[in-house]
Amino acid sequence: MPTAVACFALTRNLGQDLFAPPNVKGWDGGLSWITTNNLLSRYNEAATLVNGDMSGTATNMLVNNPNANKMIERRLQYLPAGKVDPGKLFTEKERANKEALIAALERRLLQDKLKPKQEATLRDYLEPKETIDDAVIMKAIRLVMSTPEFQVT
């Protein structure tokens, strides 16, 4: 689970400063949350959340003070963000079988099934893998988190 500092960095990167909404209603949701300006950031933040590596978010917290910036970068470099543990998300059966893993990824990360094109991409990634270890599963999670279906879920 990401720390409060990690959550602050991640949401600020997407234009949502915690406790500073644009109005009393808060932030708009749905497709207004996805823009060409922040889509790449959303993909990178998926990697941050899956891998637990906060070093990529440092640039979004920088201020106009070189000494403070060095301190921010140093702290974020070693900040534990809590990476994904596939053993807690998926059963042994799901982790051992590619079809079961795809179904489990859809159930846990999406509100509906993947579109055929995105499902084919996921299958193309998993097909040549002889074994499904945690690293393979974490990359599969990132692939699903980078789909349009996940972005609007």
C-alpha atoms as a PDB file:
ATOM      1  CA  MET A   1       0.000   0.000   0.000  1.00  0.00           C
ATOM      2  CA  PRO A   2       1.485   3.371  -0.972  1.00  0.00           C
ATOM      3  CA  THR A   3       2.307   5.801   1.824  1.00  0.00           C
ATOM      4  CA  ALA A   4       0.590   9.188   2.179  1.00  0.00           C
ATOM      5  CA  VAL A   5       3.584  10.905   0.539  1.00  0.00           C
ATOM      6  CA  ALA A   6       3.444   8.430  -2.334  1.00  0.00           C
ATOM      7  CA  CYS A   7      -0.290   9.027  -2.815  1.00  0.00           C
ATOM      8  CA  PHE A   8       0.303  12.776  -2.784  1.00  0.00           C
ATOM      9  CA  ALA A   9       2.961  12.470  -5.497  1.00  0.00           C
ATOM     10  CA  LEU A  10       0.875  10.144  -7.644  1.00  0.00           C
ATOM     11  CA  THR A  11      -2.320  12.204  -7.540  1.00  0.00           C
ATOM     12  CA  ARG A  12      -0.469  15.495  -7.976  1.00  0.00           C
ATOM     13  CA  ASN A  13       1.136  14.086 -11.098  1.00  0.00           C
ATOM     14  CA  LEU A  14      -2.363  13.652 -12.523  1.00  0.00           C
ATOM     15  CA  GLY A  15      -3.477  17.156 -11.603  1.00  0.00           C
ATOM     16  CA  GLN A  16      -5.229  16.327  -8.345  1.00  0.00           C
ATOM     17  CA  ASP A  17      -3.630  18.011  -5.361  1.00  0.00           C
ATOM     18  CA  LEU A  18      -5.011  16.272  -2.291  1.00  0.00           C
ATOM     19  CA  PHE A  19      -7.253  18.532  -0.198  1.00  0.00           C
ATOM     20  CA  ALA A  20      -7.239  21.168  -2.983  1.00  0.00           C
ATOM     21  CA  PRO A  21     -10.084  20.268  -5.373  1.00  0.00           C
ATOM     22  CA  PRO A  22     -10.983  22.736  -8.137  1.00  0.00           C
ATOM     23  CA  ASN A  23     -14.399  23.358  -6.531  1.00  0.00           C
ATOM     24  CA  VAL A  24     -16.674  22.062  -3.785  1.00  0.00           C
ATOM     25  CA  LYS A  25     -17.867  19.229  -6.033  1.00  0.00           C
ATOM     26  CA  GLY A  26     -14.327  17.872  -6.336  1.00  0.00           C
ATOM     27  CA  TRP A  27     -12.805  16.538  -9.518  1.00  0.00           C
ATOM     28  CA  ASP A  28     -14.768  15.465 -12.556  1.00  0.00           C
ATOM     29  CA  GLY A  29     -14.653  11.749 -13.261  1.00  0.00           C
ATOM     30  CA  GLY A  30     -15.041   9.499 -16.261  1.00  0.00           C
ATOM     31  CA  LEU A  31     -13.387  10.485 -19.517  1.00  0.00           C
ATOM     32  CA  SER A  32     -12.616  14.019 -18.297  1.00  0.00           C
ATOM     33  CA  TRP A  33     -10.036  12.356 -16.041  1.00  0.00           C
ATOM     34  CA  ILE A  34      -8.117  11.157 -19.105  1.00  0.00           C
ATOM     35  CA  THR A  35      -6.375  13.674 -21.326  1.00  0.00           C
ATOM     36  CA  THR A  36      -3.547  13.469 -23.835  1.00  0.00           C
ATOM     37  CA  ASN A  37      -1.472  15.375 -21.288  1.00  0.00           C
ATOM     38  CA  ASN A  38      -1.876  12.850 -18.492  1.00  0.00           C
ATOM     39  CA  LEU A  39      -2.349   9.507 -20.279  1.00  0.00           C
ATOM     40  CA  LEU A  40       1.382   8.700 -20.344  1.00  0.00           C
ATOM     41  CA  SER A  41       1.567   9.687 -16.678  1.00  0.00           C
ATOM     42  CA  ARG A  42      -1.282   7.303 -15.915  1.00  0.00           C
ATOM     43  CA  TYR A  43       0.612   4.464 -17.633  1.00  0.00           C
ATOM     44  CA  ASN A  44       3.789   5.312 -15.717  1.00  0.00           C
ATOM     45  CA  GLU A  45       1.875   5.441 -12.458  1.00  0.00           C
ATOM     46  CA  ALA A  46       0.524   1.972 -13.140  1.00  0.00           C
ATOM     47  CA  ALA A  47       4.148   0.839 -13.243  1.00  0.00           C
ATOM     48  CA  THR A  48       4.854   2.762 -10.042  1.00  0.00           C
ATOM     49  CA  LEU A  49       1.976   1.095  -8.226  1.00  0.00           C
ATOM     50  CA  VAL A  50       2.780  -2.405  -9.497  1.00  0.00           C
ATOM     51  CA  ASN A  51       6.539  -2.230  -8.918  1.00  0.00           C
ATOM     52  CA  GLY A  52       6.539  -0.040  -5.801  1.00  0.00           C
ATOM     53  CA  ASP A  53       9.223   2.273  -7.216  1.00  0.00           C
ATOM     54  CA  MET A  54       8.568   5.946  -6.440  1.00  0.00           C
ATOM     55  CA  SER A  55      11.730   7.390  -8.017  1.00  0.00           C
ATOM     56  CA  GLY A  56       9.879   8.361 -11.210  1.00  0.00           C
ATOM     57  CA  THR A  57       7.510  10.685  -9.372  1.00  0.00           C
ATOM     58  CA  ALA A  58      10.170  13.026  -7.985  1.00  0.00           C
ATOM     59  CA  THR A  59       9.912  15.494 -10.863  1.00  0.00           C
ATOM     60  CA  ASN A  60       6.270  16.175 -10.001  1.00  0.00           C
ATOM     61  CA  MET A  61       7.078  17.338  -6.494  1.00  0.00           C
ATOM     62  CA  LEU A  62      10.003  19.624  -7.304  1.00  0.00           C
ATOM     63  CA  VAL A  63       9.987  23.209  -6.107  1.00  0.00           C
ATOM     64  CA  ASN A  64      12.076  26.249  -6.985  1.00  0.00           C
ATOM     65  CA  ASN A  65      14.819  25.319  -4.534  1.00  0.00           C
ATOM     66  CA  PRO A  66      17.735  23.112  -5.636  1.00  0.00           C
ATOM     67  CA  ASN A  67      18.512  21.919  -2.094  1.00  0.00           C
ATOM     68  CA  ALA A  68      14.902  20.972  -1.432  1.00  0.00           C
ATOM     69  CA  ASN A  69      14.737  19.210  -4.798  1.00  0.00           C
ATOM     70  CA  LYS A  70      17.758  17.049  -3.936  1.00  0.00           C
ATOM     71  CA  MET A  71      16.120  16.115  -0.637  1.00  0.00           C
ATOM     72  CA  ILE A  72      12.806  15.256  -2.359  1.00  0.00           C
ATOM     73  CA  GLU A  73      14.539  13.116  -4.980  1.00  0.00           C
ATOM     74  CA  ARG A  74      16.584  11.303  -2.333  1.00  0.00           C
ATOM     75  CA  ARG A  75      13.568  10.595  -0.136  1.00  0.00           C
ATOM     76  CA  LEU A  76      11.422   9.342  -2.991  1.00  0.00           C
ATOM     77  CA  GLN A  77      14.210   7.143  -4.302  1.00  0.00           C
ATOM     78  CA  TYR A  78      14.093   5.066  -1.130  1.00  0.00           C
ATOM     79  CA  LEU A  79      10.410   5.524  -0.301  1.00  0.00           C
ATOM     80  CA  PRO A  80       8.671   2.171  -0.086  1.00  0.00           C
ATOM     81  CA  ALA A  81       5.455   2.314  -2.059  1.00  0.00           C
ATOM     82  CA  GLY A  82       4.385  -1.271  -1.500  1.00  0.00           C
ATOM     83  CA  LYS A  83       4.611  -3.235  -4.722  1.00  0.00           C
ATOM     84  CA  VAL A  84       2.047  -5.783  -5.848  1.00  0.00           C
ATOM     85  CA  ASP A  85       2.235  -9.261  -4.364  1.00  0.00           C
ATOM     86  CA  PRO A  86       0.741 -11.626  -6.976  1.00  0.00           C
ATOM     87  CA  GLY A  87       0.496 -14.362  -4.344  1.00  0.00           C
ATOM     88  CA  LYS A  88      -2.078 -12.250  -2.488  1.00  0.00           C
ATOM     89  CA  LEU A  89      -4.056 -11.318  -5.593  1.00  0.00           C
ATOM     90  CA  PHE A  90      -4.257 -14.634  -7.397  1.00  0.00           C
ATOM     91  CA  THR A  91      -4.745 -18.232  -6.352  1.00  0.00           C
ATOM     92  CA  GLU A  92      -2.161 -20.878  -7.206  1.00  0.00           C
ATOM     93  CA  LYS A  93      -4.461 -22.169  -9.971  1.00  0.00           C
ATOM     94  CA  GLU A  94      -4.759 -18.678 -11.492  1.00  0.00           C
ATOM     95  CA  ARG A  95      -1.009 -18.171 -11.337  1.00  0.00           C
ATOM     96  CA  ALA A  96      -0.319 -21.535 -12.996  1.00  0.00           C
ATOM     97  CA  ASN A  97      -2.802 -21.350 -15.873  1.00  0.00           C
ATOM     98  CA  LYS A  98      -2.738 -18.586 -18.509  1.00  0.00           C
ATOM     99  CA  GLU A  99      -6.475 -18.756 -19.238  1.00  0.00           C
ATOM    100  CA  ALA A 100      -7.314 -18.616 -15.542  1.00  0.00           C
ATOM    101  CA  LEU A 101      -4.890 -15.705 -15.084  1.00  0.00           C
ATOM    102  CA  ILE A 102      -6.500 -13.689 -17.873  1.00  0.00           C
ATOM    103  CA  ALA A 103      -9.952 -14.255 -16.384  1.00  0.00           C
ATOM    104  CA  ALA A 104      -8.659 -13.315 -12.918  1.00  0.00           C
ATOM    105  CA  LEU A 105      -7.028 -10.129 -14.229  1.00  0.00           C
ATOM    106  CA  GLU A 106     -10.335  -9.095 -15.810  1.00  0.00           C
ATOM    107  CA  ARG A 107     -12.284  -9.837 -12.610  1.00  0.00           C
ATOM    108  CA  ARG A 108      -9.908  -7.972 -10.310  1.00  0.00           C
ATOM    109  CA  LEU A 109      -8.967  -4.982 -12.432  1.00  0.00           C
ATOM    110  CA  LEU A 110     -11.895  -4.294 -14.767  1.00  0.00           C
ATOM    111  CA  GLN A 111     -15.651  -3.881 -14.665  1.00  0.00           C
ATOM    112  CA  ASP A 112     -16.033  -5.884 -17.870  1.00  0.00           C
ATOM    113  CA  LYS A 113     -14.033  -8.159 -20.161  1.00  0.00           C
ATOM    114  CA  LEU A 114     -11.114  -6.865 -22.200  1.00  0.00           C
ATOM    115  CA  LYS A 115     -11.850  -5.853 -25.773  1.00  0.00           C
ATOM    116  CA  PRO A 116     -10.610  -8.447 -28.308  1.00  0.00           C
ATOM    117  CA  LYS A 117      -7.597  -6.343 -29.355  1.00  0.00           C
ATOM    118  CA  GLN A 118      -6.376  -5.842 -25.769  1.00  0.00           C
ATOM    119  CA  GLU A 119      -7.053  -9.477 -24.890  1.00  0.00           C
ATOM    120  CA  ALA A 120      -5.030 -10.566 -27.940  1.00  0.00           C
ATOM    121  CA  THR A 121      -2.140  -8.355 -26.808  1.00  0.00           C
ATOM    122  CA  LEU A 122      -2.238  -9.904 -23.333  1.00  0.00           C
ATOM    123  CA  ARG A 123      -2.356 -13.410 -24.826  1.00  0.00           C
ATOM    124  CA  ASP A 124       0.570 -12.562 -27.138  1.00  0.00           C
ATOM    125  CA  TYR A 125       2.560 -11.508 -24.089  1.00  0.00           C
ATOM    126  CA  LEU A 126       1.710 -14.614 -22.045  1.00  0.00           C
ATOM    127  CA  GLU A 127       1.863 -17.230 -24.819  1.00  0.00           C
ATOM    128  CA  PRO A 128       5.658 -17.630 -25.130  1.00  0.00           C
ATOM    129  CA  LYS A 129       6.154 -17.744 -21.349  1.00  0.00           C
ATOM    130  CA  GLU A 130       6.999 -21.266 -20.242  1.00  0.00           C
ATOM    131  CA  THR A 131       6.322 -20.489 -16.600  1.00  0.00           C
ATOM    132  CA  ILE A 132       4.204 -17.800 -15.020  1.00  0.00           C
ATOM    133  CA  ASP A 133       6.268 -16.299 -12.212  1.00  0.00           C
ATOM    134  CA  ASP A 134       5.604 -13.127 -10.214  1.00  0.00           C
ATOM    135  CA  ALA A 135       7.521 -10.931 -12.686  1.00  0.00           C
ATOM    136  CA  VAL A 136       5.378 -12.167 -15.586  1.00  0.00           C
ATOM    137  CA  ILE A 137       2.195 -11.566 -13.600  1.00  0.00           C
ATOM    138  CA  MET A 138       3.290  -8.059 -12.600  1.00  0.00           C
ATOM    139  CA  LYS A 139       3.927  -7.175 -16.254  1.00  0.00           C
ATOM    140  CA  ALA A 140       0.537  -8.631 -17.188  1.00  0.00           C
ATOM    141  CA  ILE A 141      -1.065  -6.420 -14.520  1.00  0.00           C
ATOM    142  CA  ARG A 142       0.684  -3.397 -16.032  1.00  0.00           C
ATOM    143  CA  LEU A 143      -0.599  -4.353 -19.484  1.00  0.00           C
ATOM    144  CA  VAL A 144      -4.177  -4.523 -18.205  1.00  0.00           C
ATOM    145  CA  MET A 145      -3.744  -1.244 -16.308  1.00  0.00           C
ATOM    146  CA  SER A 146      -2.651   0.378 -19.584  1.00  0.00           C
ATOM    147  CA  THR A 147      -5.829  -0.522 -21.454  1.00  0.00           C
ATOM    148  CA  PRO A 148      -8.673   1.902 -22.169  1.00  0.00           C
ATOM    149  CA  GLU A 149     -10.986  -0.402 -20.191  1.00  0.00           C
ATOM    150  CA  PHE A 150      -8.905   0.048 -17.043  1.00  0.00           C
ATOM    151  CA  GLN A 151      -8.452   3.786 -17.556  1.00  0.00           C
ATOM    152  CA  VAL A 152     -12.207   4.421 -17.456  1.00  0.00           C
ATOM    153  CA  THR A 153     -12.996   1.833 -14.774  1.00  0.00           C
END
